[in-house]
Amino acid sequence: IKRNPKNAKAYCRAGQASEALQRPKEAMRWYEHALKRANDDFLKKNYVVSLMKKLELKTEAEKKKREEARLKAVMKKKAGEMLRQAIKLRNINFGADTLTGEHQPKLTTDGTIQWPVLF
């Protein structure tokens, strides 16, 4: 880029390097510079636009994945709170070790408590 600031391919490569380093905003800026430098070359413009679309799709997919993980964590937390409330509402008393481990009680969608029992 320092040697030839009009070289669109150099800007594309800088964008790809930024993308590989997990810097999508920086990569998009490089692609925008490359698009400006592509002039009237249809193939270069098409290539840069395809890189930009690919980056946007990847960014949206990652954002959606993070949001789903956040919602899953919130739902898990709320389910635990609902279970504690259901146990308290039913006046169930037990030892402290009952709600720990892999055999924990679960609250179903219809409001019943499923309590695994080992025989």
C-alpha atoms as a PDB file:
ATOM      1  CA  ILE A   1       0.000   0.000   0.000  1.00  0.00           C
ATOM      2  CA  LYS A   2       2.926   2.320   0.747  1.00  0.00           C
ATOM      3  CA  ARG A   3       4.534   1.622  -2.647  1.00  0.00           C
ATOM      4  CA  ASN A   4       1.378   1.889  -4.706  1.00  0.00           C
ATOM      5  CA  PRO A   5      -1.656   3.373  -2.914  1.00  0.00           C
ATOM      6  CA  LYS A   6      -3.823   2.797  -6.024  1.00  0.00           C
ATOM      7  CA  ASN A   7      -3.406  -0.988  -5.876  1.00  0.00           C
ATOM      8  CA  ALA A   8      -6.810  -2.431  -5.006  1.00  0.00           C
ATOM      9  CA  LYS A   9      -5.409  -5.924  -4.537  1.00  0.00           C
ATOM     10  CA  ALA A  10      -3.148  -4.720  -1.716  1.00  0.00           C
ATOM     11  CA  TYR A  11      -6.171  -3.328   0.120  1.00  0.00           C
ATOM     12  CA  CYS A  12      -8.025  -6.623  -0.400  1.00  0.00           C
ATOM     13  CA  ARG A  13      -5.112  -8.531   1.082  1.00  0.00           C
ATOM     14  CA  ALA A  14      -4.989  -6.143   4.036  1.00  0.00           C
ATOM     15  CA  GLY A  15      -8.698  -6.774   4.558  1.00  0.00           C
ATOM     16  CA  GLN A  16      -8.195 -10.539   4.405  1.00  0.00           C
ATOM     17  CA  ALA A  17      -5.342 -10.294   6.904  1.00  0.00           C
ATOM     18  CA  SER A  18      -7.522  -8.231   9.259  1.00  0.00           C
ATOM     19  CA  GLU A  19     -10.303 -10.774   8.880  1.00  0.00           C
ATOM     20  CA  ALA A  20      -7.892 -13.594   9.759  1.00  0.00           C
ATOM     21  CA  LEU A  21      -6.915 -11.643  12.886  1.00  0.00           C
ATOM     22  CA  GLN A  22     -10.597 -11.472  13.945  1.00  0.00           C
ATOM     23  CA  ARG A  23     -10.911  -7.740  13.259  1.00  0.00           C
ATOM     24  CA  PRO A  24     -14.050  -7.469  11.108  1.00  0.00           C
ATOM     25  CA  LYS A  25     -14.499  -3.686  11.362  1.00  0.00           C
ATOM     26  CA  GLU A  26     -10.938  -3.070  10.232  1.00  0.00           C
ATOM     27  CA  ALA A  27     -11.334  -5.614   7.435  1.00  0.00           C
ATOM     28  CA  MET A  28     -14.481  -3.873   6.209  1.00  0.00           C
ATOM     29  CA  ARG A  29     -12.610  -0.543   6.110  1.00  0.00           C
ATOM     30  CA  TRP A  30      -9.858  -2.118   3.988  1.00  0.00           C
ATOM     31  CA  TYR A  31     -12.452  -3.603   1.632  1.00  0.00           C
ATOM     32  CA  GLU A  32     -14.114  -0.202   1.274  1.00  0.00           C
ATOM     33  CA  HIS A  33     -10.740   1.320   0.346  1.00  0.00           C
ATOM     34  CA  ALA A  34     -10.218  -1.489  -2.172  1.00  0.00           C
ATOM     35  CA  LEU A  35     -13.630  -0.798  -3.689  1.00  0.00           C
ATOM     36  CA  LYS A  36     -12.716   2.868  -4.133  1.00  0.00           C
ATOM     37  CA  ARG A  37      -9.413   1.907  -5.811  1.00  0.00           C
ATOM     38  CA  ALA A  38     -11.008  -0.680  -8.139  1.00  0.00           C
ATOM     39  CA  ASN A  39     -12.077   2.100 -10.547  1.00  0.00           C
ATOM     40  CA  ASP A  40     -14.037   0.663 -13.464  1.00  0.00           C
ATOM     41  CA  ASP A  41     -12.648  -2.864 -13.338  1.00  0.00           C
ATOM     42  CA  PHE A  42     -15.752  -5.030 -13.041  1.00  0.00           C
ATOM     43  CA  LEU A  43     -13.895  -8.144 -11.872  1.00  0.00           C
ATOM     44  CA  LYS A  44     -12.072  -6.318  -9.099  1.00  0.00           C
ATOM     45  CA  LYS A  45     -15.253  -4.621  -7.905  1.00  0.00           C
ATOM     46  CA  ASN A  46     -17.164  -7.898  -8.010  1.00  0.00           C
ATOM     47  CA  TYR A  47     -14.410  -9.644  -6.040  1.00  0.00           C
ATOM     48  CA  VAL A  48     -14.324  -6.925  -3.377  1.00  0.00           C
ATOM     49  CA  VAL A  49     -18.109  -6.888  -3.066  1.00  0.00           C
ATOM     50  CA  SER A  50     -18.155 -10.668  -2.648  1.00  0.00           C
ATOM     51  CA  LEU A  51     -15.526 -10.399   0.114  1.00  0.00           C
ATOM     52  CA  MET A  52     -17.599  -7.722   1.840  1.00  0.00           C
ATOM     53  CA  LYS A  53     -20.787  -9.805   1.656  1.00  0.00           C
ATOM     54  CA  LYS A  54     -18.965 -12.865   2.975  1.00  0.00           C
ATOM     55  CA  LEU A  55     -17.631 -10.837   5.909  1.00  0.00           C
ATOM     56  CA  GLU A  56     -21.086  -9.408   6.666  1.00  0.00           C
ATOM     57  CA  LEU A  57     -22.649 -12.882   6.661  1.00  0.00           C
ATOM     58  CA  LYS A  58     -19.906 -14.217   8.923  1.00  0.00           C
ATOM     59  CA  THR A  59     -20.294 -11.275  11.316  1.00  0.00           C
ATOM     60  CA  GLU A  60     -24.078 -11.695  11.449  1.00  0.00           C
ATOM     61  CA  ALA A  61     -23.745 -15.439  12.093  1.00  0.00           C
ATOM     62  CA  GLU A  62     -21.324 -14.815  14.970  1.00  0.00           C
ATOM     63  CA  LYS A  63     -23.598 -12.147  16.418  1.00  0.00           C
ATOM     64  CA  LYS A  64     -26.578 -14.514  16.214  1.00  0.00           C
ATOM     65  CA  LYS A  65     -24.579 -17.299  17.868  1.00  0.00           C
ATOM     66  CA  ARG A  66     -23.556 -15.013  20.752  1.00  0.00           C
ATOM     67  CA  GLU A  67     -27.155 -13.858  21.214  1.00  0.00           C
ATOM     68  CA  GLU A  68     -28.427 -17.460  21.280  1.00  0.00           C
ATOM     69  CA  ALA A  69     -25.800 -18.384  23.880  1.00  0.00           C
ATOM     70  CA  ARG A  70     -26.792 -15.390  25.995  1.00  0.00           C
ATOM     71  CA  LEU A  71     -30.487 -16.284  25.771  1.00  0.00           C
ATOM     72  CA  LYS A  72     -29.736 -19.895  26.657  1.00  0.00           C
ATOM     73  CA  ALA A  73     -27.843 -18.771  29.767  1.00  0.00           C
ATOM     74  CA  VAL A  74     -30.702 -16.463  30.779  1.00  0.00           C
ATOM     75  CA  MET A  75     -33.258 -19.231  30.289  1.00  0.00           C
ATOM     76  CA  LYS A  76     -31.179 -21.653  32.345  1.00  0.00           C
ATOM     77  CA  LYS A  77     -30.916 -19.121  35.157  1.00  0.00           C
ATOM     78  CA  LYS A  78     -34.667 -18.435  35.089  1.00  0.00           C
ATOM     79  CA  ALA A  79     -35.442 -22.158  35.067  1.00  0.00           C
ATOM     80  CA  GLY A  80     -33.351 -22.591  38.211  1.00  0.00           C
ATOM     81  CA  GLU A  81     -35.167 -19.725  39.904  1.00  0.00           C
ATOM     82  CA  MET A  82     -38.555 -21.138  38.916  1.00  0.00           C
ATOM     83  CA  LEU A  83     -37.553 -24.529  40.303  1.00  0.00           C
ATOM     84  CA  ARG A  84     -36.528 -23.035  43.626  1.00  0.00           C
ATOM     85  CA  GLN A  85     -39.814 -21.120  43.798  1.00  0.00           C
ATOM     86  CA  ALA A  86     -41.818 -24.246  42.975  1.00  0.00           C
ATOM     87  CA  ILE A  87     -40.028 -26.217  45.711  1.00  0.00           C
ATOM     88  CA  LYS A  88     -40.561 -23.403  48.205  1.00  0.00           C
ATOM     89  CA  LEU A  89     -44.238 -23.084  47.213  1.00  0.00           C
ATOM     90  CA  ARG A  90     -44.795 -26.797  47.854  1.00  0.00           C
ATOM     91  CA  ASN A  91     -43.048 -26.618  51.259  1.00  0.00           C
ATOM     92  CA  ILE A  92     -40.551 -29.334  50.379  1.00  0.00           C
ATOM     93  CA  ASN A  93     -37.708 -29.644  52.879  1.00  0.00           C
ATOM     94  CA  PHE A  94     -34.510 -31.581  52.218  1.00  0.00           C
ATOM     95  CA  GLY A  95     -30.780 -31.546  52.909  1.00  0.00           C
ATOM     96  CA  ALA A  96     -28.347 -29.118  51.328  1.00  0.00           C
ATOM     97  CA  ASP A  97     -26.793 -31.779  49.047  1.00  0.00           C
ATOM     98  CA  THR A  98     -30.074 -32.522  47.256  1.00  0.00           C
ATOM     99  CA  LEU A  99     -29.844 -29.717  44.673  1.00  0.00           C
ATOM    100  CA  THR A 100     -26.255 -30.473  43.665  1.00  0.00           C
ATOM    101  CA  GLY A 101     -24.737 -33.080  41.392  1.00  0.00           C
ATOM    102  CA  GLU A 102     -25.974 -34.532  38.134  1.00  0.00           C
ATOM    103  CA  HIS A 103     -29.339 -35.779  39.474  1.00  0.00           C
ATOM    104  CA  GLN A 104     -31.013 -32.426  40.012  1.00  0.00           C
ATOM    105  CA  PRO A 105     -34.773 -31.908  39.987  1.00  0.00           C
ATOM    106  CA  LYS A 106     -36.268 -30.260  36.902  1.00  0.00           C
ATOM    107  CA  LEU A 107     -39.404 -28.181  36.435  1.00  0.00           C
ATOM    108  CA  THR A 108     -41.467 -29.205  33.387  1.00  0.00           C
ATOM    109  CA  THR A 109     -43.459 -26.821  31.209  1.00  0.00           C
ATOM    110  CA  ASP A 110     -46.738 -27.839  32.869  1.00  0.00           C
ATOM    111  CA  GLY A 111     -45.397 -26.912  36.327  1.00  0.00           C
ATOM    112  CA  THR A 112     -44.635 -30.356  37.734  1.00  0.00           C
ATOM    113  CA  ILE A 113     -41.320 -31.180  39.367  1.00  0.00           C
ATOM    114  CA  GLN A 114     -39.448 -34.186  38.012  1.00  0.00           C
ATOM    115  CA  TRP A 115     -37.130 -35.538  40.656  1.00  0.00           C
ATOM    116  CA  PRO A 116     -34.776 -38.310  39.543  1.00  0.00           C
ATOM    117  CA  VAL A 117     -34.570 -41.211  41.961  1.00  0.00           C
ATOM    118  CA  LEU A 118     -31.799 -43.805  42.144  1.00  0.00           C
ATOM    119  CA  PHE A 119     -32.690 -47.298  43.315  1.00  0.00           C
END
